């Protein structure tokens, strides 16, 4: 059994990127969620990020990455008056 949820879940995302196209927002969110939650192999993560970087990240891809990271982030409690 694989360590990763499904080694094939990233294939549609990688297919779009390998064609040199930008990911639609919803697809980009799913991709970043898989990367952050352990659903993608290290090679798939590298391929995805490098393909975006080589083409130039789209606004939707940047928004999707930020949204996925924000959803994964934990809340921090701080005393009143803390900046």
Protein backbone atom coordinates (compact mmCIF):
# COMPACT_ATOMS: atom_id res chain seq x y z
CA UNK A 1 0.00 0.00 0.00
CA UNK A 2 1.24 3.47 -0.86
CA UNK A 3 2.17 6.08 1.73
CA UNK A 4 0.21 8.64 -0.33
CA UNK A 5 -3.58 8.78 -0.50
CA UNK A 6 -3.66 8.24 -4.24
CA UNK A 7 -0.64 8.56 -6.44
CA UNK A 8 -2.96 9.29 -9.36
CA UNK A 9 -4.96 12.15 -7.82
CA UNK A 10 -2.44 14.75 -8.99
CA UNK A 11 -2.36 13.50 -12.59
CA UNK A 12 -5.13 15.78 -13.96
CA UNK A 13 -3.41 18.78 -12.37
CA UNK A 14 -0.02 17.80 -13.76
CA UNK A 15 -1.58 17.23 -17.19
CA UNK A 16 -2.92 20.80 -17.32
CA UNK A 17 0.41 22.21 -16.15
CA UNK A 18 2.42 20.09 -18.60
CA UNK A 19 0.36 21.61 -21.43
CA UNK A 20 1.62 25.01 -20.29
CA UNK A 21 -1.82 26.14 -19.08
CA UNK A 22 -2.74 27.84 -15.82
CA UNK A 23 -4.83 25.90 -13.34
CA UNK A 24 -8.38 27.07 -12.73
CA UNK A 25 -8.84 28.27 -9.13
CA UNK A 26 -10.80 25.20 -7.94
CA UNK A 27 -8.29 22.76 -9.42
CA UNK A 28 -5.39 24.72 -7.94
CA UNK A 29 -7.01 24.65 -4.47
CA UNK A 30 -7.42 20.85 -4.73
CA UNK A 31 -3.81 20.52 -5.79
CA UNK A 32 -2.45 22.61 -2.93
CA UNK A 33 -4.70 20.77 -0.46
CA UNK A 34 -3.30 17.44 -1.67
CA UNK A 35 0.26 18.75 -1.37
CA UNK A 36 -0.32 20.07 2.16
CA UNK A 37 -2.23 17.01 3.39
CA UNK A 38 0.19 14.34 2.19
CA UNK A 39 -1.82 13.30 -0.88
CA UNK A 40 0.99 13.95 -3.36
CA UNK A 41 4.42 12.41 -3.69
CA UNK A 42 7.50 14.61 -3.33
CA UNK A 43 8.12 14.23 -7.09
CA UNK A 44 4.57 15.35 -7.89
CA UNK A 45 4.89 18.36 -5.60
CA UNK A 46 8.18 19.33 -7.24
CA UNK A 47 6.75 18.87 -10.76
CA UNK A 48 3.68 20.94 -9.95
CA UNK A 49 5.55 23.82 -8.36
CA UNK A 50 8.28 23.86 -11.01
CA UNK A 51 5.76 23.86 -13.86
CA UNK A 52 3.98 26.85 -12.32
CA UNK A 53 7.26 28.64 -11.71
CA UNK A 54 8.58 28.09 -15.23
CA UNK A 55 5.37 29.41 -16.81
CA UNK A 56 4.83 32.06 -14.17
CA UNK A 57 2.24 31.61 -11.47
CA UNK A 58 -1.25 32.88 -12.31
CA UNK A 59 -3.26 35.03 -9.93
CA UNK A 60 -5.68 32.13 -9.36
CA UNK A 61 -2.82 29.76 -8.53
CA UNK A 62 -1.37 32.21 -6.01
CA UNK A 63 -4.82 32.81 -4.49
CA UNK A 64 -5.42 29.05 -4.29
CA UNK A 65 -2.08 28.40 -2.59
CA UNK A 66 -2.75 31.13 -0.04
CA UNK A 67 -6.28 29.86 0.64
CA UNK A 68 -5.10 26.27 1.12
CA UNK A 69 -2.31 27.35 3.49
CA UNK A 70 -4.66 29.64 5.41
CA UNK A 71 -7.18 26.82 5.85
CA UNK A 72 -4.42 24.54 7.15
CA UNK A 73 -2.94 27.09 9.57
CA UNK A 74 -3.63 26.82 13.27
CA UNK A 75 -4.93 29.62 15.44
CA UNK A 76 -2.58 31.21 17.93
CA UNK A 77 -3.79 32.63 21.22
CA UNK A 78 -1.97 35.70 22.46
CA UNK A 79 -2.44 38.03 25.42
CA UNK A 80 -4.53 41.15 24.91
CA UNK A 81 -2.55 44.02 23.41
CA UNK A 82 -0.10 41.75 21.60
CA UNK A 83 0.72 42.94 18.10
